[in-house]
Amino acid sequence: MSSDDPLISVLVVSDRASRGEYEDKGGPAAEDWLRRVVTSPVRITRRIVPDGQESVASALRELADGDGADLILVTGGTGPAPRDQTPEALDAVIDKRLPGFGEAMRLASLAEVPTAILSRQDAGIRGRCLIITLPGKPSAIATCLAAVFRAVPYCLDLIEAARIETDPALCEAFRPRGA
């Protein structure tokens, strides 16, 4: 891998994991899913921050603007609890919202658990970076990524981010003919 390869950042949002009191399982689950599905060379980084709007927004700005991430997957902080402020952080940093991502993720999750309606996953664009917020539970991360990732490579193309390819046996990326 080289520094020219697309950069995918996994941002873990967890008070306990950021303090070392809890072994994060969401970040590794997201990274493992990406390593199975994405076939093109990519760099994957992982970072943990505490819950809260400013801590998450600040990390998103650094990853998108400073590090030049093409895709950021945020795990955690999407529930209704008072410290779950990932959606508010996303609102503070994006230029455009992509509500279809959240709709598709919740619909897929509802097939597995009725409490999926409590989750506030979403997605948006900051410059040339796609940001997708996910639940923190590993099985829910896999469900949500499976529900939306077919559209991710083409979205990255449209926003002039780096091009990524996927294993069609695991996730057939959709691109219109000629794209």
Protein backbone atom coordinates (compact mmCIF):
# COMPACT_ATOMS: atom_id res chain seq x y z
CA MET A 1 0.00 0.00 0.00
CA SER A 2 1.14 3.51 -0.71
CA SER A 3 0.20 6.95 0.51
CA ASP A 4 -1.61 7.39 -2.83
CA ASP A 5 -4.07 4.59 -2.00
CA PRO A 6 -7.57 5.61 -0.91
CA LEU A 7 -7.86 6.36 2.80
CA ILE A 8 -10.73 4.86 4.77
CA SER A 9 -10.93 5.95 8.40
CA VAL A 10 -12.90 4.13 11.07
CA LEU A 11 -13.86 6.48 13.89
CA VAL A 12 -15.01 4.74 17.05
CA VAL A 13 -17.19 6.81 19.36
CA SER A 14 -17.20 5.48 22.92
CA ASP A 15 -16.57 7.05 26.32
CA ARG A 16 -15.49 3.75 27.88
CA ALA A 17 -13.27 2.60 25.00
CA SER A 18 -11.59 6.00 24.80
CA ARG A 19 -10.69 5.68 28.50
CA GLY A 20 -9.45 2.11 28.06
CA GLU A 21 -12.21 0.67 30.28
CA TYR A 22 -13.80 -1.34 27.50
CA GLU A 23 -12.36 -3.28 24.58
CA ASP A 24 -13.87 -1.79 21.47
CA LYS A 25 -15.35 -4.39 19.16
CA GLY A 26 -17.11 -2.09 16.70
CA GLY A 27 -13.99 -0.60 15.14
CA PRO A 28 -12.35 -3.97 14.47
CA ALA A 29 -15.66 -5.29 13.09
CA ALA A 30 -15.92 -2.40 10.61
CA GLU A 31 -12.28 -2.79 9.60
CA ASP A 32 -12.62 -6.56 9.14
CA TRP A 33 -15.73 -6.05 7.00
CA LEU A 34 -13.87 -3.55 4.81
CA ARG A 35 -10.83 -5.82 4.43
CA ARG A 36 -13.09 -8.67 3.25
CA VAL A 37 -15.16 -6.61 0.82
CA VAL A 38 -12.87 -3.92 -0.63
CA THR A 39 -10.49 -5.46 -3.17
CA SER A 40 -8.57 -2.39 -4.32
CA PRO A 41 -5.53 -1.29 -2.29
CA VAL A 42 -6.67 0.99 0.54
CA ARG A 43 -5.22 2.39 3.75
CA ILE A 44 -7.45 1.88 6.77
CA THR A 45 -6.93 3.84 9.97
CA ARG A 46 -8.81 3.55 13.23
CA ARG A 47 -9.27 6.16 15.94
CA ILE A 48 -11.26 6.23 19.19
CA VAL A 49 -12.85 9.36 20.66
CA PRO A 50 -15.26 9.90 23.55
CA ASP A 51 -18.95 10.49 22.95
CA GLY A 52 -20.05 14.07 22.48
CA GLN A 53 -20.79 16.43 19.65
CA GLU A 54 -17.54 18.42 19.73
CA SER A 55 -15.18 15.46 20.16
CA VAL A 56 -16.77 13.67 17.21
CA ALA A 57 -17.07 16.77 15.01
CA SER A 58 -13.45 17.70 15.66
CA ALA A 59 -12.26 14.19 14.76
CA LEU A 60 -14.36 14.20 11.59
CA ARG A 61 -12.85 17.51 10.49
CA GLU A 62 -9.32 16.24 11.16
CA LEU A 63 -9.89 12.98 9.31
CA ALA A 64 -11.61 14.56 6.30
CA ASP A 65 -9.64 17.79 5.96
CA GLY A 66 -6.30 17.07 7.61
CA ASP A 67 -5.79 13.39 6.78
CA GLY A 68 -7.66 13.50 3.47
CA ALA A 69 -9.93 10.52 4.16
CA ASP A 70 -12.07 9.48 1.21
CA LEU A 71 -14.49 7.53 3.40
CA ILE A 72 -15.11 7.71 7.14
CA LEU A 73 -17.12 5.06 8.94
CA VAL A 74 -18.22 6.21 12.38
CA THR A 75 -19.26 3.49 14.84
CA GLY A 76 -21.28 4.35 17.91
CA GLY A 77 -23.09 7.33 19.37
CA THR A 78 -26.15 6.94 17.13
CA GLY A 79 -28.69 5.93 19.79
CA PRO A 80 -31.11 8.04 21.84
CA ALA A 81 -29.04 8.21 25.07
CA PRO A 82 -27.98 11.69 26.23
CA ARG A 83 -24.27 11.13 25.35
CA ASP A 84 -25.14 9.77 21.86
CA GLN A 85 -24.42 12.86 19.79
CA THR A 86 -22.83 11.45 16.64
CA PRO A 87 -25.72 12.65 14.39
CA GLU A 88 -25.40 16.17 15.79
CA ALA A 89 -21.65 16.08 15.12
CA LEU A 90 -22.32 14.93 11.56
CA ASP A 91 -24.75 17.83 11.10
CA ALA A 92 -22.03 20.25 12.22
CA VAL A 93 -19.49 19.12 9.61
CA ILE A 94 -21.23 18.00 6.41
CA ASP A 95 -21.97 19.98 3.29
CA LYS A 96 -24.69 17.61 2.04
CA ARG A 97 -26.82 14.97 3.72
CA LEU A 98 -27.56 11.61 2.07
CA PRO A 99 -30.72 10.48 3.92
CA GLY A 100 -31.16 7.31 1.85
CA PHE A 101 -28.23 5.73 3.71
CA GLY A 102 -29.92 6.04 7.09
CA GLU A 103 -33.25 4.87 5.69
CA ALA A 104 -31.69 1.75 4.14
CA MET A 105 -29.66 0.93 7.24
CA ARG A 106 -32.66 1.21 9.57
CA LEU A 107 -34.82 -0.86 7.21
CA ALA A 108 -32.22 -3.65 7.07
CA SER A 109 -31.76 -3.52 10.85
CA LEU A 110 -35.52 -3.65 11.47
CA ALA A 111 -35.58 -7.08 9.83
CA GLU A 112 -33.35 -8.24 12.69
CA VAL A 113 -34.37 -6.23 15.75
CA PRO A 114 -37.41 -4.02 16.54
CA THR A 115 -35.30 -1.46 18.40
CA ALA A 116 -33.60 -0.44 15.13
CA ILE A 117 -36.08 2.44 15.00
CA LEU A 118 -34.15 3.99 17.89
CA SER A 119 -30.95 4.24 15.87
CA ARG A 120 -30.04 7.50 14.16
CA GLN A 121 -27.57 6.32 11.51
CA ASP A 122 -27.00 8.75 8.67
CA ALA A 123 -24.53 9.79 6.00
CA GLY A 124 -23.25 12.97 4.44
CA ILE A 125 -20.52 14.54 2.39
CA ARG A 126 -17.78 16.89 3.54
CA GLY A 127 -15.78 18.11 0.56
CA ARG A 128 -14.52 14.95 -1.16
CA CYS A 129 -15.22 12.68 1.81
CA LEU A 130 -18.22 10.42 2.39
CA ILE A 131 -19.08 9.98 6.08
CA ILE A 132 -21.37 7.13 7.18
CA THR A 133 -22.50 6.78 10.80
CA LEU A 134 -23.14 3.26 12.08
CA PRO A 135 -24.24 1.60 15.30
CA GLY A 136 -21.49 0.36 17.62
CA LYS A 137 -22.57 -3.29 17.81
CA PRO A 138 -20.49 -5.50 15.46
CA SER A 139 -23.42 -7.48 14.03
CA ALA A 140 -25.37 -4.26 13.41
CA ILE A 141 -22.33 -2.75 11.66
CA ALA A 142 -22.22 -5.69 9.25
CA THR A 143 -25.97 -5.46 8.61
CA CYS A 144 -25.80 -1.73 7.93
CA LEU A 145 -22.73 -1.88 5.69
CA ALA A 146 -24.27 -4.72 3.69
CA ALA A 147 -27.38 -2.58 3.22
CA VAL A 148 -25.62 0.45 1.76
CA PHE A 149 -22.13 -0.37 0.55
CA ARG A 150 -23.19 -1.22 -3.03
CA ALA A 151 -23.70 2.53 -3.50
CA VAL A 152 -20.50 3.67 -1.77
CA PRO A 153 -17.98 3.24 -4.65
CA TYR A 154 -20.17 5.20 -7.08
CA CYS A 155 -20.83 7.89 -4.47
CA LEU A 156 -17.06 8.26 -4.03
CA ASP A 157 -16.75 8.59 -7.82
CA LEU A 158 -19.42 11.30 -7.91
CA ILE A 159 -17.78 13.41 -5.19
CA GLU A 160 -14.36 13.00 -6.85
CA ALA A 161 -12.90 10.97 -4.00
CA ALA A 162 -10.63 8.00 -4.64
CA ARG A 163 -11.97 5.02 -6.56
CA ILE A 164 -12.49 1.75 -4.71
CA GLU A 165 -13.49 -1.68 -5.96
CA THR A 166 -15.36 -4.43 -4.15
CA ASP A 167 -15.50 -8.21 -4.34
CA PRO A 168 -18.70 -8.82 -6.34
CA ALA A 169 -19.24 -12.14 -4.57
CA LEU A 170 -19.58 -10.25 -1.27
CA CYS A 171 -20.84 -6.82 -2.33
CA GLU A 172 -21.45 -6.00 -5.96
CA ALA A 173 -20.84 -2.28 -6.31
CA PHE A 174 -23.29 -0.52 -8.57
CA ARG A 175 -21.95 1.87 -11.18
CA PRO A 176 -23.95 2.96 -14.22
CA ARG A 177 -22.55 1.76 -17.54
CA GLY A 178 -19.54 3.78 -18.53
CA ALA A 179 -18.93 5.10 -15.01
